[in-house]
N, C-alpha and C. Protein backbone atom coordinates (compact mmCIF):
# COMPACT_ATOMS: atom_id res chain seq x y z
N MET A 1 0.95 -0.98 -0.01
CA MET A 1 0.04 -0.29 0.13
C MET A 1 0.96 1.10 -0.02
N SER A 2 0.65 2.08 -1.05
CA SER A 2 1.46 3.44 -0.97
C SER A 2 0.83 4.53 0.01
N GLY A 3 1.67 5.28 0.62
CA GLY A 3 1.33 6.32 1.27
C GLY A 3 1.29 7.66 0.44
N VAL A 4 1.23 7.59 -0.71
CA VAL A 4 1.70 9.03 -1.64
C VAL A 4 0.44 9.86 -1.61
N GLU A 5 -0.78 9.62 -1.60
CA GLU A 5 -1.87 10.23 -1.38
C GLU A 5 -2.52 10.25 0.12
N ASP A 6 -2.18 9.05 0.63
CA ASP A 6 -2.86 9.12 2.13
C ASP A 6 -1.75 8.35 3.03
N ARG A 7 -1.11 9.30 3.94
CA ARG A 7 -0.02 8.79 4.73
C ARG A 7 -0.26 7.53 5.44
N SER A 8 -1.82 7.69 5.87
CA SER A 8 -2.11 6.43 7.13
C SER A 8 -2.26 5.25 6.29
N SER A 9 -2.43 5.39 4.89
CA SER A 9 -2.70 3.90 4.35
C SER A 9 -1.72 2.86 4.66
N PRO A 10 -0.61 2.86 4.75
CA PRO A 10 0.29 1.82 5.05
C PRO A 10 0.16 1.20 6.61
N ALA A 11 0.04 2.12 7.47
CA ALA A 11 -0.18 1.80 8.85
C ALA A 11 -1.63 1.35 9.11
N ASP A 12 -2.58 1.72 8.40
CA ASP A 12 -4.13 1.04 8.46
C ASP A 12 -4.05 -0.30 7.98
N GLN A 13 -3.31 -0.39 6.78
CA GLN A 13 -3.26 -1.95 6.30
C GLN A 13 -2.58 -2.95 6.98
N ASP A 14 -1.47 -2.35 7.69
CA ASP A 14 -0.75 -3.18 8.67
C ASP A 14 -1.66 -3.63 9.74
N VAL A 15 -2.54 -2.76 10.43
CA VAL A 15 -3.39 -3.05 11.30
C VAL A 15 -4.38 -4.05 10.77
N TYR A 16 -4.88 -3.95 9.85
CA TYR A 16 -6.19 -4.62 9.16
C TYR A 16 -5.50 -6.23 9.19
N LEU A 17 -4.13 -6.50 8.40
CA LEU A 17 -3.63 -7.48 8.20
C LEU A 17 -3.43 -8.32 9.47
N ARG A 18 -2.85 -7.49 10.40
CA ARG A 18 -2.59 -8.03 11.83
C ARG A 18 -3.99 -8.60 12.34
N ALA A 19 -4.78 -7.84 12.17
CA ALA A 19 -6.09 -8.30 13.01
C ALA A 19 -6.73 -9.41 12.17
N LEU A 20 -6.61 -9.73 10.79
CA LEU A 20 -7.13 -10.89 10.14
C LEU A 20 -6.31 -11.91 10.75
N ARG A 21 -5.27 -11.75 11.01
CA ARG A 21 -4.53 -13.09 11.45
C ARG A 21 -4.71 -13.13 12.85
N ALA A 22 -4.96 -12.23 13.83
CA ALA A 22 -5.34 -12.46 15.22
C ALA A 22 -6.68 -13.13 15.40
N HIS A 23 -7.54 -12.70 14.30
CA HIS A 23 -8.83 -13.23 14.32
C HIS A 23 -9.08 -14.53 13.71
N GLY A 24 -8.05 -15.03 13.22
CA GLY A 24 -8.03 -16.28 12.63
C GLY A 24 -8.76 -16.22 11.33
N SER A 25 -8.99 -15.32 10.70
CA SER A 25 -9.69 -15.29 9.29
C SER A 25 -8.86 -15.43 8.40
N VAL A 26 -7.73 -15.76 8.34
CA VAL A 26 -6.65 -16.05 7.17
C VAL A 26 -5.63 -17.04 7.78
N ASP A 27 -5.07 -18.10 7.02
CA ASP A 27 -4.09 -18.84 7.04
C ASP A 27 -2.81 -18.22 6.70
N TRP A 28 -3.06 -17.53 5.57
CA TRP A 28 -1.57 -17.15 4.85
C TRP A 28 -2.06 -15.93 4.06
N ILE A 29 -1.25 -15.07 4.04
CA ILE A 29 -1.22 -13.81 3.20
C ILE A 29 -0.09 -13.77 1.93
N ALA A 30 -0.72 -13.51 0.71
CA ALA A 30 0.74 -13.45 -0.20
C ALA A 30 0.58 -11.82 -0.57
N PHE A 31 1.62 -11.49 -0.62
CA PHE A 31 2.12 -10.08 -1.02
C PHE A 31 2.47 -9.77 -2.14
N GLY A 32 2.07 -8.77 -2.73
CA GLY A 32 2.43 -8.14 -4.08
C GLY A 32 3.10 -6.96 -3.87
N THR A 33 3.48 -6.09 -4.78
CA THR A 33 4.40 -4.84 -4.58
C THR A 33 3.54 -3.84 -5.21
N PHE A 34 3.27 -2.74 -4.29
CA PHE A 34 2.45 -1.54 -4.80
C PHE A 34 3.50 -0.50 -5.56
N VAL A 35 3.24 -0.28 -6.69
CA VAL A 35 4.38 0.94 -7.49
C VAL A 35 3.16 1.98 -7.79
N THR A 36 4.19 3.03 -7.50
CA THR A 36 3.48 4.56 -7.79
C THR A 36 4.50 4.93 -8.56
N ARG A 37 4.07 5.59 -9.98
CA ARG A 37 5.03 6.52 -10.58
C ARG A 37 4.38 7.53 -11.43
N ALA A 38 4.95 8.39 -11.97
CA ALA A 38 4.52 9.42 -12.93
C ALA A 38 4.52 9.02 -14.45
N LYS A 39 3.39 9.01 -14.87
CA LYS A 39 3.36 8.85 -16.48
C LYS A 39 3.13 9.80 -17.45
N VAL A 40 3.32 9.77 -18.77
CA VAL A 40 2.78 10.55 -19.51
C VAL A 40 1.93 10.03 -20.65
N ALA A 41 0.87 10.59 -20.99
CA ALA A 41 -0.18 10.29 -21.96
C ALA A 41 -0.92 11.18 -22.51
N PRO A 42 -1.35 10.82 -23.75
CA PRO A 42 -2.54 12.03 -24.35
C PRO A 42 -3.53 12.04 -23.55
N LEU A 43 -4.16 13.38 -23.35
CA LEU A 43 -5.26 13.44 -22.57
C LEU A 43 -6.51 13.03 -23.56
N ALA A 44 -7.51 12.19 -22.78
CA ALA A 44 -8.60 11.72 -23.67
C ALA A 44 -9.95 12.25 -22.69
N ASP A 45 -11.12 12.22 -23.52
CA ASP A 45 -12.26 12.21 -23.00
C ASP A 45 -13.17 11.27 -23.85
N ARG A 46 -14.33 11.21 -23.25
CA ARG A 46 -15.17 10.33 -24.00
C ARG A 46 -16.32 11.08 -25.14
N ASP A 47 -16.46 10.07 -25.88
CA ASP A 47 -17.60 10.40 -26.86
C ASP A 47 -18.88 10.42 -26.51
N GLU A 48 -19.76 10.63 -27.54
CA GLU A 48 -21.29 10.67 -27.01
C GLU A 48 -21.84 9.20 -26.50
N ARG A 49 -21.12 8.21 -26.85
CA ARG A 49 -21.38 6.72 -26.66
C ARG A 49 -20.38 6.23 -25.57
N GLY A 50 -19.72 7.19 -25.00
CA GLY A 50 -19.03 6.64 -23.79
C GLY A 50 -17.45 5.97 -24.06
N ARG A 51 -17.24 6.10 -25.44
CA ARG A 51 -15.91 5.65 -25.82
C ARG A 51 -14.83 6.48 -25.55
N PRO A 52 -13.52 5.93 -25.26
CA PRO A 52 -12.31 7.00 -25.24
C PRO A 52 -12.06 7.72 -26.63
N GLN A 53 -11.67 8.85 -26.57
CA GLN A 53 -11.25 9.70 -27.72
C GLN A 53 -10.08 10.48 -27.36
N LEU A 54 -9.34 10.99 -28.11
CA LEU A 54 -8.12 11.86 -27.78
C LEU A 54 -8.92 13.35 -27.55
N ALA A 55 -8.57 13.93 -26.67
CA ALA A 55 -8.94 15.39 -26.43
C ALA A 55 -7.83 16.10 -27.32
N ARG A 56 -8.60 17.06 -27.95
CA ARG A 56 -7.83 17.90 -29.03
C ARG A 56 -8.12 19.44 -29.01
N ALA A 57 -7.21 20.08 -29.45
CA ALA A 57 -7.63 21.70 -29.28
C ALA A 57 -8.60 22.30 -30.08
N ARG A 58 -9.32 22.64 -29.29
CA ARG A 58 -10.65 23.33 -30.00
C ARG A 58 -10.95 24.59 -29.21
N TRP A 59 -11.95 25.32 -29.52
CA TRP A 59 -12.40 26.43 -28.92
C TRP A 59 -13.31 25.89 -27.59
N PRO A 60 -12.94 26.25 -26.19
CA PRO A 60 -12.36 27.64 -26.06
C PRO A 60 -10.94 27.55 -25.41
N VAL A 61 -10.23 26.22 -25.97
CA VAL A 61 -8.92 26.27 -25.26
C VAL A 61 -8.05 25.84 -26.94
N GLN A 62 -7.37 27.03 -27.22
CA GLN A 62 -6.36 27.36 -28.37
C GLN A 62 -5.08 26.98 -28.23
N VAL A 63 -4.34 26.32 -29.30
CA VAL A 63 -2.96 26.00 -29.04
C VAL A 63 -2.26 26.64 -30.11
N ARG A 64 -1.07 27.36 -29.95
CA ARG A 64 -0.29 28.18 -30.76
C ARG A 64 0.97 27.72 -30.86
N GLY A 65 1.69 27.61 -31.98
CA GLY A 65 3.26 27.24 -31.97
C GLY A 65 3.99 28.16 -31.43
N ALA A 66 5.22 27.97 -31.61
CA ALA A 66 6.48 28.76 -31.24
C ALA A 66 6.17 30.22 -31.99
N GLY A 67 5.72 30.14 -33.35
CA GLY A 67 5.50 31.11 -34.14
C GLY A 67 4.47 32.12 -34.00
N GLY A 68 3.60 31.42 -33.05
CA GLY A 68 2.32 32.14 -32.73
C GLY A 68 1.04 31.51 -33.65
N ASP A 69 1.48 30.61 -34.78
CA ASP A 69 0.40 30.24 -35.52
C ASP A 69 -0.41 29.08 -34.68
N PRO A 70 -1.96 29.19 -35.02
CA PRO A 70 -2.64 28.01 -34.30
C PRO A 70 -2.41 26.57 -34.82
N MET A 71 -2.40 25.77 -34.04
CA MET A 71 -2.29 24.43 -34.09
C MET A 71 -3.59 23.64 -33.89
N GLU A 72 -4.38 23.76 -35.12
CA GLU A 72 -5.63 23.09 -34.99
C GLU A 72 -5.60 21.58 -34.72
N GLY A 73 -6.37 21.07 -33.96
CA GLY A 73 -6.25 19.61 -33.56
C GLY A 73 -5.24 19.13 -32.80
N ALA A 74 -4.49 19.95 -32.16
CA ALA A 74 -3.20 19.38 -31.33
C ALA A 74 -3.37 18.55 -30.19
N THR A 75 -2.87 17.63 -30.17
CA THR A 75 -3.04 16.52 -29.00
C THR A 75 -2.27 17.18 -27.53
N PHE A 76 -3.35 16.90 -26.63
CA PHE A 76 -2.53 17.47 -25.40
C PHE A 76 -1.97 16.18 -24.56
N MET A 77 -0.74 16.51 -23.91
CA MET A 77 -0.07 15.54 -23.26
C MET A 77 -0.30 15.92 -21.83
N VAL A 78 -0.46 14.97 -21.03
CA VAL A 78 -0.45 15.04 -19.47
C VAL A 78 0.53 14.12 -18.72
N SER A 79 0.92 14.54 -17.71
CA SER A 79 1.55 13.88 -16.83
C SER A 79 0.50 13.20 -15.75
N TYR A 80 0.54 12.07 -15.34
CA TYR A 80 -0.39 11.66 -14.38
C TYR A 80 0.09 10.57 -13.09
N LEU A 81 -0.22 10.67 -12.16
CA LEU A 81 -0.01 9.50 -11.03
C LEU A 81 -0.49 8.13 -11.25
N ASP A 82 0.32 7.26 -11.56
CA ASP A 82 -0.11 5.86 -12.00
C ASP A 82 0.13 4.88 -10.86
N ARG A 83 -1.06 4.45 -10.06
CA ARG A 83 -0.94 3.18 -8.92
C ARG A 83 -1.00 1.99 -9.57
N GLU A 84 -0.27 0.91 -9.27
CA GLU A 84 -0.52 -0.13 -9.80
C GLU A 84 0.07 -1.61 -8.57
N GLU A 85 -0.83 -2.41 -8.52
CA GLU A 85 -0.33 -3.53 -7.65
C GLU A 85 0.20 -4.67 -8.61
N LYS A 86 1.34 -4.90 -8.12
CA LYS A 86 2.20 -6.05 -9.04
C LYS A 86 2.53 -7.10 -8.35
N GLY A 87 2.27 -8.23 -9.03
CA GLY A 87 2.62 -9.69 -8.52
C GLY A 87 1.46 -10.29 -7.89
N THR A 88 0.51 -9.46 -7.31
CA THR A 88 -0.65 -10.50 -6.84
C THR A 88 -1.17 -11.41 -7.65
N ASP A 89 -1.54 -10.92 -8.87
CA ASP A 89 -2.27 -12.02 -9.80
C ASP A 89 -1.09 -13.10 -9.95
N VAL A 90 -0.17 -13.06 -10.26
CA VAL A 90 0.87 -14.09 -10.41
C VAL A 90 1.05 -15.04 -9.22
N ASN A 91 0.96 -14.46 -8.05
CA ASN A 91 1.01 -15.17 -6.83
C ASN A 91 -0.25 -16.04 -6.40
N LEU A 92 -1.39 -15.39 -6.79
CA LEU A 92 -2.53 -16.17 -6.89
C LEU A 92 -2.67 -17.30 -7.77
N ALA A 93 -2.35 -16.99 -9.10
CA ALA A 93 -2.65 -18.12 -10.05
C ALA A 93 -1.35 -19.12 -9.55
N THR A 94 -0.56 -18.85 -9.13
CA THR A 94 0.65 -19.99 -8.89
C THR A 94 0.27 -20.78 -7.67
N HIS A 95 -0.23 -20.27 -6.76
CA HIS A 95 -0.84 -21.11 -5.72
C HIS A 95 -2.14 -21.86 -6.01
N LEU A 96 -2.93 -21.19 -6.85
CA LEU A 96 -4.18 -21.99 -7.49
C LEU A 96 -3.72 -23.18 -7.99
N LEU A 97 -3.00 -23.03 -8.83
CA LEU A 97 -2.62 -24.12 -9.85
C LEU A 97 -1.59 -25.23 -9.05
N VAL A 98 -0.89 -24.73 -8.14
CA VAL A 98 -0.05 -25.87 -7.21
C VAL A 98 -1.19 -26.47 -6.53
N ASP A 99 -2.10 -25.90 -5.86
CA ASP A 99 -3.01 -26.90 -4.96
C ASP A 99 -3.54 -27.59 -5.75
N VAL A 100 -4.21 -27.09 -7.08
CA VAL A 100 -5.05 -28.11 -7.89
C VAL A 100 -3.98 -29.19 -8.26
N LEU A 101 -2.79 -28.86 -8.75
CA LEU A 101 -2.01 -30.15 -9.13
C LEU A 101 -1.27 -31.13 -7.99
N ASP A 102 -1.34 -30.60 -7.07
CA ASP A 102 -1.04 -31.30 -5.71
C ASP A 102 -2.25 -32.02 -5.24
N GLU A 103 -3.11 -31.75 -5.52
CA GLU A 103 -4.68 -32.35 -5.18
C GLU A 103 -4.86 -32.25 -3.82
N THR A 104 -4.78 -30.94 -3.35
CA THR A 104 -4.73 -30.53 -1.85
C THR A 104 -6.22 -29.60 -1.59
N ILE A 105 -6.83 -29.66 -2.72
CA ILE A 105 -8.10 -28.75 -2.64
C ILE A 105 -9.09 -29.72 -3.46
N ASP A 106 -10.45 -29.65 -3.00
CA ASP A 106 -11.61 -30.01 -3.60
C ASP A 106 -12.13 -28.95 -4.50
N ALA A 107 -12.07 -27.78 -4.34
CA ALA A 107 -12.84 -26.63 -4.93
C ALA A 107 -11.86 -25.46 -4.67
N ALA A 108 -12.34 -24.39 -5.42
CA ALA A 108 -11.44 -23.21 -5.35
C ALA A 108 -12.62 -21.90 -5.43
N ILE A 109 -12.15 -20.94 -4.56
CA ILE A 109 -12.91 -19.70 -4.87
C ILE A 109 -12.08 -18.65 -5.21
N VAL A 110 -12.11 -17.94 -6.17
CA VAL A 110 -11.25 -16.97 -6.61
C VAL A 110 -11.93 -15.46 -6.51
N ILE A 111 -11.28 -14.63 -5.60
CA ILE A 111 -11.93 -13.18 -5.57
C ILE A 111 -11.15 -12.45 -6.30
N SER A 112 -11.54 -12.03 -7.33
CA SER A 112 -10.84 -11.16 -8.34
C SER A 112 -11.65 -10.89 -9.50
N ASN A 113 -11.36 -9.68 -10.22
CA ASN A 113 -12.04 -9.49 -11.63
C ASN A 113 -10.95 -9.35 -12.53
N ASP A 114 -9.72 -9.92 -12.37
CA ASP A 114 -8.59 -9.61 -13.21
C ASP A 114 -8.74 -10.71 -14.02
N SER A 115 -8.65 -9.98 -15.60
CA SER A 115 -8.68 -11.17 -16.75
C SER A 115 -7.26 -11.83 -16.78
N ASP A 116 -6.25 -11.55 -16.24
CA ASP A 116 -5.19 -12.16 -16.52
C ASP A 116 -5.18 -13.42 -15.78
N LEU A 117 -6.15 -13.54 -15.02
CA LEU A 117 -6.36 -14.90 -14.22
C LEU A 117 -7.00 -15.78 -15.13
N ALA A 118 -7.66 -15.61 -16.41
CA ALA A 118 -8.38 -16.33 -17.07
C ALA A 118 -7.45 -17.62 -17.28
N LEU A 119 -6.60 -17.89 -17.70
CA LEU A 119 -5.86 -19.10 -18.04
C LEU A 119 -5.70 -20.06 -16.79
N PRO A 120 -5.08 -19.63 -15.52
CA PRO A 120 -5.06 -20.38 -14.62
C PRO A 120 -6.47 -20.87 -14.25
N ILE A 121 -7.46 -19.95 -14.02
CA ILE A 121 -8.64 -20.33 -13.71
C ILE A 121 -9.41 -21.37 -14.73
N ARG A 122 -8.84 -21.26 -16.07
CA ARG A 122 -9.48 -22.10 -16.97
C ARG A 122 -9.02 -23.43 -16.58
N VAL A 123 -7.68 -23.78 -16.33
CA VAL A 123 -7.04 -24.98 -16.05
C VAL A 123 -7.42 -25.39 -14.49
N ALA A 124 -7.57 -24.51 -13.72
CA ALA A 124 -8.11 -25.32 -12.77
C ALA A 124 -9.59 -25.80 -12.61
N ARG A 125 -10.44 -25.11 -13.51
CA ARG A 125 -11.78 -25.67 -13.79
C ARG A 125 -11.63 -26.95 -14.04
N GLY A 126 -10.73 -27.45 -15.11
CA GLY A 126 -10.73 -28.68 -15.54
C GLY A 126 -10.34 -29.93 -14.54
N ASN A 127 -10.19 -29.48 -13.29
CA ASN A 127 -9.86 -30.42 -12.38
C ASN A 127 -10.81 -30.23 -11.23
N VAL A 128 -11.15 -29.27 -10.79
CA VAL A 128 -11.93 -28.75 -9.41
C VAL A 128 -12.94 -27.76 -9.99
N PRO A 129 -14.30 -27.78 -9.12
CA PRO A 129 -15.08 -26.87 -9.37
C PRO A 129 -14.35 -25.36 -8.74
N VAL A 130 -14.78 -24.22 -9.40
CA VAL A 130 -14.23 -22.98 -9.03
C VAL A 130 -15.23 -21.95 -8.97
N GLY A 131 -15.16 -21.45 -8.11
CA GLY A 131 -16.31 -20.05 -7.80
C GLY A 131 -15.54 -18.89 -8.10
N VAL A 132 -15.86 -17.89 -9.01
CA VAL A 132 -15.23 -16.65 -9.12
C VAL A 132 -16.07 -15.55 -8.50
N VAL A 133 -15.55 -14.83 -7.69
CA VAL A 133 -16.30 -13.74 -6.88
C VAL A 133 -15.62 -12.33 -7.45
N ASN A 134 -16.35 -11.54 -7.90
CA ASN A 134 -16.08 -10.07 -8.50
C ASN A 134 -16.02 -9.12 -7.29
N PRO A 135 -15.09 -8.57 -6.73
CA PRO A 135 -15.19 -7.72 -5.51
C PRO A 135 -15.77 -6.35 -6.01
N GLY A 136 -15.67 -5.99 -7.39
CA GLY A 136 -15.89 -4.65 -7.77
C GLY A 136 -17.34 -4.30 -8.23
N ARG A 137 -17.56 -3.20 -8.50
CA ARG A 137 -19.02 -2.88 -9.28
C ARG A 137 -19.11 -3.24 -10.78
N SER A 138 -17.91 -3.16 -11.28
CA SER A 138 -17.91 -3.57 -12.80
C SER A 138 -18.48 -4.79 -13.20
N PRO A 139 -18.99 -5.31 -14.42
CA PRO A 139 -19.44 -6.65 -14.65
C PRO A 139 -18.04 -7.36 -14.67
N LEU A 140 -18.51 -8.93 -14.53
CA LEU A 140 -17.26 -9.60 -14.43
C LEU A 140 -16.81 -9.63 -15.65
N ALA A 141 -15.01 -9.61 -15.55
CA ALA A 141 -14.53 -9.87 -16.93
C ALA A 141 -14.71 -10.97 -17.81
N GLY A 142 -14.91 -10.83 -19.09
CA GLY A 142 -15.48 -11.57 -19.83
C GLY A 142 -14.51 -13.07 -20.04
N ARG A 143 -13.27 -12.69 -19.79
CA ARG A 143 -12.44 -13.76 -19.92
C ARG A 143 -12.40 -14.69 -18.64
N LEU A 144 -13.05 -14.35 -17.56
CA LEU A 144 -13.28 -15.29 -16.60
C LEU A 144 -14.56 -16.00 -16.47
N ARG A 145 -15.36 -15.80 -17.51
CA ARG A 145 -16.62 -16.51 -17.57
C ARG A 145 -16.19 -17.78 -18.20
N GLY A 146 -17.15 -18.83 -17.75
CA GLY A 146 -17.10 -20.07 -18.24
C GLY A 146 -18.62 -20.44 -18.00
N LEU A 147 -18.75 -21.87 -18.06
CA LEU A 147 -20.10 -22.50 -17.97
C LEU A 147 -20.01 -23.32 -16.99
N PRO A 148 -20.89 -23.41 -16.06
CA PRO A 148 -21.02 -24.26 -14.80
C PRO A 148 -20.77 -25.74 -15.09
N PHE A 149 -20.94 -26.21 -16.45
CA PHE A 149 -20.85 -27.55 -16.83
C PHE A 149 -19.23 -27.95 -17.22
N GLU A 150 -18.53 -26.97 -17.60
CA GLU A 150 -17.03 -27.13 -18.27
C GLU A 150 -16.15 -27.87 -17.26
N GLY A 151 -15.21 -28.59 -17.62
CA GLY A 151 -14.36 -29.34 -16.97
C GLY A 151 -14.94 -30.19 -15.52
N ALA A 152 -14.35 -29.69 -14.70
CA ALA A 152 -14.86 -30.50 -13.31
C ALA A 152 -16.47 -30.49 -13.02
N ARG A 153 -17.05 -29.37 -13.62
CA ARG A 153 -18.29 -29.04 -13.38
C ARG A 153 -18.57 -28.69 -12.02
N GLY A 154 -19.73 -27.59 -11.78
CA GLY A 154 -20.10 -27.05 -10.61
C GLY A 154 -19.63 -25.78 -10.38
N HIS A 155 -18.95 -25.01 -11.42
CA HIS A 155 -18.57 -23.67 -11.51
C HIS A 155 -19.66 -22.63 -11.20
N TRP A 156 -19.20 -21.39 -10.30
CA TRP A 156 -20.17 -20.68 -10.19
C TRP A 156 -19.64 -19.24 -10.15
N TRP A 157 -20.44 -18.14 -10.18
CA TRP A 157 -20.12 -16.69 -10.34
C TRP A 157 -20.95 -16.06 -9.26
N ARG A 158 -20.13 -14.94 -8.77
CA ARG A 158 -21.09 -13.97 -7.93
C ARG A 158 -20.24 -12.78 -8.06
N ARG A 159 -20.93 -11.45 -7.54
CA ARG A 159 -20.53 -10.44 -7.27
C ARG A 159 -20.75 -9.68 -5.89
N ILE A 160 -19.72 -9.42 -5.22
CA ILE A 160 -19.70 -8.86 -3.81
C ILE A 160 -20.52 -7.51 -3.64
N GLU A 161 -21.59 -7.75 -3.06
CA GLU A 161 -22.57 -6.36 -3.09
C GLU A 161 -21.90 -5.57 -1.73
N ARG A 162 -22.34 -4.30 -1.61
CA ARG A 162 -22.18 -3.63 -0.27
C ARG A 162 -22.50 -4.16 0.81
N ALA A 163 -23.72 -4.71 0.81
CA ALA A 163 -24.22 -5.44 2.23
C ALA A 163 -23.28 -6.52 2.29
N ASP A 164 -22.63 -7.46 1.54
CA ASP A 164 -21.92 -8.42 1.98
C ASP A 164 -20.63 -7.81 2.54
N TYR A 165 -20.23 -6.89 2.31
CA TYR A 165 -19.20 -6.03 2.90
C TYR A 165 -19.42 -5.70 4.24
N ARG A 166 -20.37 -4.90 4.40
CA ARG A 166 -20.93 -4.62 5.63
C ARG A 166 -21.26 -5.80 6.73
N ALA A 167 -21.90 -6.91 6.13
CA ALA A 167 -21.78 -8.01 6.84
C ALA A 167 -20.75 -9.05 7.38
N SER A 168 -19.46 -8.49 6.66
CA SER A 168 -18.48 -9.44 6.86
C SER A 168 -17.22 -8.55 7.67
N GLN A 169 -17.41 -7.49 8.63
CA GLN A 169 -16.58 -6.66 8.75
C GLN A 169 -16.13 -7.40 10.15
N LEU A 170 -14.96 -7.24 10.58
CA LEU A 170 -14.15 -7.80 11.84
C LEU A 170 -14.78 -6.80 12.89
N PRO A 171 -14.81 -7.63 14.03
CA PRO A 171 -15.16 -6.69 15.13
C PRO A 171 -14.40 -5.38 15.26
N LYS A 172 -14.89 -4.34 16.01
CA LYS A 172 -14.24 -3.07 15.92
C LYS A 172 -12.86 -3.23 16.99
N ARG A 173 -12.88 -4.24 17.64
CA ARG A 173 -11.65 -4.61 18.43
C ARG A 173 -11.10 -6.15 18.33
N VAL A 174 -9.86 -6.61 17.81
CA VAL A 174 -9.42 -7.70 17.98
C VAL A 174 -8.13 -7.82 18.65
N GLY A 175 -8.23 -8.29 19.90
CA GLY A 175 -7.35 -8.51 20.78
C GLY A 175 -6.88 -7.06 21.22
N THR A 176 -5.79 -6.45 20.79
CA THR A 176 -5.09 -5.18 21.20
C THR A 176 -5.39 -4.46 20.04
N LEU A 177 -6.00 -4.78 18.98
CA LEU A 177 -5.80 -3.83 17.75
C LEU A 177 -7.36 -3.19 17.51
N CYS A 178 -7.29 -2.12 17.21
CA CYS A 178 -8.45 -1.51 17.30
C CYS A 178 -8.70 -0.86 15.48
N ARG A 179 -10.11 -0.74 15.18
CA ARG A 179 -10.16 -0.33 13.73
C ARG A 179 -10.11 1.10 13.93
N PRO A 180 -9.14 1.44 12.72
CA PRO A 180 -8.90 2.94 12.53
C PRO A 180 -10.17 3.72 12.34
N GLU A 181 -10.48 4.85 12.98
CA GLU A 181 -11.54 5.60 13.06
C GLU A 181 -12.17 6.08 11.93
N ALA A 182 -11.43 6.17 10.72
CA ALA A 182 -11.59 6.63 9.40
C ALA A 182 -12.51 5.44 8.65
N TRP A 183 -12.33 4.25 9.24
CA TRP A 183 -13.05 3.32 8.45
C TRP A 183 -14.30 3.19 8.73
C-alpha cells in the first residue's frame, strides 16, 4: 500500500492484516508490490457513446506554435500519477495451480475480476469446481466467464455487494488492535 496520497494507508493496512491473523480469518497472506510512478499520456475524454477519444485543441482552448500560428487539432499531453499492484495476480495463479496439481483442494474460490487470471482459472476448472467472486462494481471480466458444466463441473460466479462487505466486517476490536476511526 502506498502512502503517496494518504499517509495513514500503510499503517491502516498493517493493522488490518494483523487483525485478520489475530482473528483467525486467514491462514496465509501473499503480498504483491505496490508501485507508484508518474506517467505521460495523451489527454482523453469520452465521445457521445462513452468510448475514449483523444482530447484535441478546440475553442475555448486554443494552442499556438512557437511562431504564434494556431495548431488546430493539437494533442494535449499530460503527466499523471499511476498506481499499480504488481505480482498479486501471479501469486494467486501460482498457488491456485499448485493446490490443484498437488490435489490438496476439492474446490476453489477466486476473489478477483482480473482477466489476467483467465488461463489459470480455466486450467483449475478442468480439475476442480471454481467459484469466481467479483469484488468490484464493474461486470465480471469476460475472460473469467465459463459455463457451470465445463471441466470438473459445478463452477459458479457472484459479485460482492455493499451489504456483503458490511456483513463481513471484523469486530471493532480484535485483541489489542482497534479498527481505525476513518473506517
